[in-house]
Amino acid sequence: EFYEQNKQHFILDRAILRGLLLIMPVGAPNIEKLKDVVEVPHEEENIEWVEKYAYQYAVGYELFLDDWKTVSQIILRMPFEKDDLNKQLKATRQIELQDSINTYLLQVTDLYQANQPMPIEYARPEIEKIMLAQRQVNFIQQERIGLYEKAIKEGILKRYEE
């Protein structure tokens, strides 16, 4: 409810995504089957197949279907320029890139661009901090009022009115 009422305050300053990244040596077997399988990565049998494949052949493997990553974090693992990756992400959800040593396969399941509202699960830690701070402020205000009223009742504090 708080998020929905204050969505305009939860705007992304950079693109974030979820998905998976596989880095395989050039010439690794079954690349075409791998591409087909990672198109539907949320299915349990596909995750198992990809994990077995990664264990056997991959140089690097990162499954982040439930965690948000920034485009900058992904670029650290791939030979991409940030602007090039952003352009590719606007066009497709499966990106394959190859250099002289490795083939990089990035499958994006969710993508939010900069200047869009954050997904609620990404904004949740920030929302929790804000709500906790609000509760602390309310508690302090209530305590202050309570102490003031108690001091007046006990005669410690006297109120003079003109």
Protein backbone atom coordinates (compact mmCIF):
# COMPACT_ATOMS: atom_id res chain seq x y z
CA GLU A 1 0.00 0.00 0.00
CA PHE A 2 2.82 2.39 0.92
CA TYR A 3 4.62 1.53 -2.33
CA GLU A 4 1.53 2.09 -4.47
CA GLN A 5 0.86 5.47 -2.84
CA ASN A 6 4.49 6.60 -3.20
CA LYS A 7 5.57 4.94 -6.45
CA GLN A 8 6.88 8.24 -7.82
CA HIS A 9 9.59 8.17 -5.10
CA PHE A 10 10.88 4.74 -6.12
CA ILE A 11 12.38 5.40 -9.54
CA LEU A 12 15.38 3.43 -10.80
CA ASP A 13 18.57 5.33 -11.48
CA ARG A 14 19.95 2.43 -13.53
CA ALA A 15 18.65 -0.62 -15.38
CA ILE A 16 18.16 -3.85 -13.42
CA LEU A 17 17.46 -7.37 -14.62
CA ARG A 18 16.91 -10.97 -13.62
CA GLY A 19 17.88 -14.07 -15.54
CA LEU A 20 20.92 -16.24 -16.06
CA LEU A 21 24.36 -15.95 -17.56
CA LEU A 22 26.45 -18.80 -18.93
CA ILE A 23 30.04 -18.47 -20.09
CA MET A 24 31.20 -21.47 -22.12
CA PRO A 25 34.39 -22.13 -24.01
CA VAL A 26 34.05 -21.67 -27.76
CA GLY A 27 32.97 -24.97 -29.27
CA ALA A 28 31.08 -26.26 -26.22
CA PRO A 29 28.51 -28.90 -27.28
CA ASN A 30 24.73 -28.49 -27.44
CA ILE A 31 24.71 -24.69 -27.61
CA GLU A 32 21.52 -24.69 -29.69
CA LYS A 33 19.71 -26.91 -27.17
CA LEU A 34 21.03 -24.70 -24.37
CA LYS A 35 19.54 -21.62 -26.05
CA ASP A 36 16.15 -23.34 -26.30
CA VAL A 37 16.23 -24.52 -22.68
CA VAL A 38 17.17 -21.14 -21.20
CA GLU A 39 14.25 -19.46 -22.96
CA VAL A 40 12.02 -20.99 -20.26
CA PRO A 41 14.39 -20.98 -17.27
CA HIS A 42 11.73 -21.04 -14.55
CA GLU A 43 10.75 -24.64 -15.24
CA GLU A 44 12.42 -26.94 -12.71
CA GLU A 45 13.59 -29.48 -15.27
CA ASN A 46 15.17 -26.70 -17.36
CA ILE A 47 17.02 -25.31 -14.35
CA GLU A 48 18.35 -28.79 -13.58
CA TRP A 49 19.45 -29.32 -17.18
CA VAL A 50 21.19 -25.93 -17.32
CA GLU A 51 22.94 -26.53 -13.98
CA LYS A 52 24.21 -29.94 -15.15
CA TYR A 53 25.36 -28.40 -18.42
CA ALA A 54 27.09 -25.55 -16.58
CA TYR A 55 28.82 -27.99 -14.24
CA GLN A 56 30.21 -29.95 -17.19
CA TYR A 57 31.06 -27.23 -19.69
CA ALA A 58 30.70 -23.70 -18.38
CA VAL A 59 33.62 -21.48 -17.42
CA GLY A 60 31.17 -19.26 -15.52
CA TYR A 61 27.55 -19.60 -14.55
CA GLU A 62 25.23 -17.28 -12.69
CA LEU A 63 21.55 -17.97 -12.03
CA PHE A 64 19.78 -14.86 -10.77
CA LEU A 65 16.12 -15.57 -11.49
CA ASP A 66 15.07 -14.33 -8.05
CA ASP A 67 17.71 -11.64 -7.50
CA TRP A 68 18.03 -8.31 -9.26
CA LYS A 69 21.35 -7.40 -10.87
CA THR A 70 22.35 -4.10 -12.37
CA VAL A 71 23.46 -3.96 -15.97
CA SER A 72 26.85 -2.82 -14.64
CA GLN A 73 27.20 -6.05 -12.66
CA ILE A 74 26.51 -8.10 -15.79
CA ILE A 75 28.93 -6.06 -17.90
CA LEU A 76 31.72 -7.03 -15.51
CA ARG A 77 31.27 -10.63 -16.63
CA MET A 78 30.81 -9.99 -20.37
CA PRO A 79 32.92 -8.20 -22.99
CA PHE A 80 30.29 -5.50 -23.56
CA GLU A 81 30.14 -1.76 -23.40
CA LYS A 82 27.26 -0.52 -21.22
CA ASP A 83 25.48 1.32 -24.02
CA ASP A 84 25.79 -1.67 -26.35
CA LEU A 85 24.24 -4.00 -23.78
CA ASN A 86 21.41 -1.53 -23.08
CA LYS A 87 20.63 -1.34 -26.82
CA GLN A 88 20.65 -5.13 -27.12
CA LEU A 89 18.38 -5.50 -24.09
CA LYS A 90 15.80 -3.23 -25.71
CA ALA A 91 15.72 -5.50 -28.76
CA THR A 92 15.92 -9.03 -27.33
CA ARG A 93 15.90 -11.04 -24.10
CA GLN A 94 18.52 -13.58 -25.17
CA ILE A 95 21.94 -12.22 -25.96
CA GLU A 96 24.77 -14.33 -27.32
CA LEU A 97 28.25 -12.91 -27.63
CA GLN A 98 31.48 -14.60 -28.58
CA ASP A 99 35.12 -13.64 -28.30
CA SER A 100 38.18 -15.69 -29.21
CA ILE A 101 37.94 -17.76 -26.03
CA ASN A 102 34.36 -17.89 -24.75
CA THR A 103 30.72 -17.79 -25.76
CA TYR A 104 28.52 -15.70 -23.46
CA LEU A 105 24.81 -16.43 -23.23
CA LEU A 106 22.62 -14.05 -21.26
CA GLN A 107 18.93 -14.87 -20.85
CA VAL A 108 16.91 -12.03 -19.34
CA THR A 109 13.62 -12.95 -17.69
CA ASP A 110 12.77 -9.52 -16.21
CA LEU A 111 14.08 -6.10 -17.12
CA TYR A 112 13.42 -2.62 -15.74
CA GLN A 113 15.10 0.32 -17.43
CA ALA A 114 16.43 3.43 -15.69
CA ASN A 115 13.74 6.03 -14.89
CA GLN A 116 11.04 3.38 -14.48
CA PRO A 117 9.39 2.65 -11.12
CA MET A 118 11.27 -0.01 -9.17
CA PRO A 119 9.65 -3.42 -8.85
CA ILE A 120 8.23 -3.73 -5.34
CA GLU A 121 10.62 -6.53 -4.31
CA TYR A 122 13.58 -4.35 -5.31
CA ALA A 123 12.17 -1.37 -3.41
CA ARG A 124 11.22 -3.45 -0.33
CA PRO A 125 14.44 -2.83 1.71
CA GLU A 126 14.12 0.91 1.13
CA ILE A 127 10.42 0.85 2.03
CA GLU A 128 11.21 -1.06 5.23
CA LYS A 129 13.79 1.58 6.24
CA ILE A 130 11.33 4.40 5.58
CA MET A 131 8.53 2.71 7.51
CA LEU A 132 10.85 1.92 10.43
CA ALA A 133 12.01 5.54 10.53
CA GLN A 134 8.38 6.71 10.51
CA ARG A 135 7.54 4.37 13.39
CA GLN A 136 10.54 5.66 15.36
CA VAL A 137 9.49 9.28 14.80
CA ASN A 138 5.91 8.47 15.86
CA PHE A 139 7.15 6.62 18.95
CA ILE A 140 9.38 9.53 19.98
CA GLN A 141 6.53 12.01 19.46
CA GLN A 142 4.14 9.88 21.54
CA GLU A 143 6.73 9.52 24.30
CA ARG A 144 7.35 13.27 24.33
CA ILE A 145 3.61 13.99 24.60
CA GLY A 146 3.24 11.34 27.32
CA LEU A 147 6.15 12.74 29.35
CA TYR A 148 4.79 16.27 29.00
CA GLU A 149 1.30 15.26 30.18
CA LYS A 150 2.74 13.21 33.04
CA ALA A 151 4.89 16.14 34.16
CA ILE A 152 1.85 18.43 34.18
CA LYS A 153 -0.23 15.89 36.18
CA GLU A 154 2.51 15.42 38.76
CA GLY A 155 3.08 19.13 39.10
CA ILE A 156 6.64 19.00 37.85
CA LEU A 157 5.71 21.25 34.98
CA LYS A 158 3.25 24.12 35.27
CA ARG A 159 1.41 25.71 32.43
CA TYR A 160 0.83 29.45 32.50
CA GLU A 161 -1.60 31.01 30.12
CA GLU A 162 -2.06 34.70 29.51
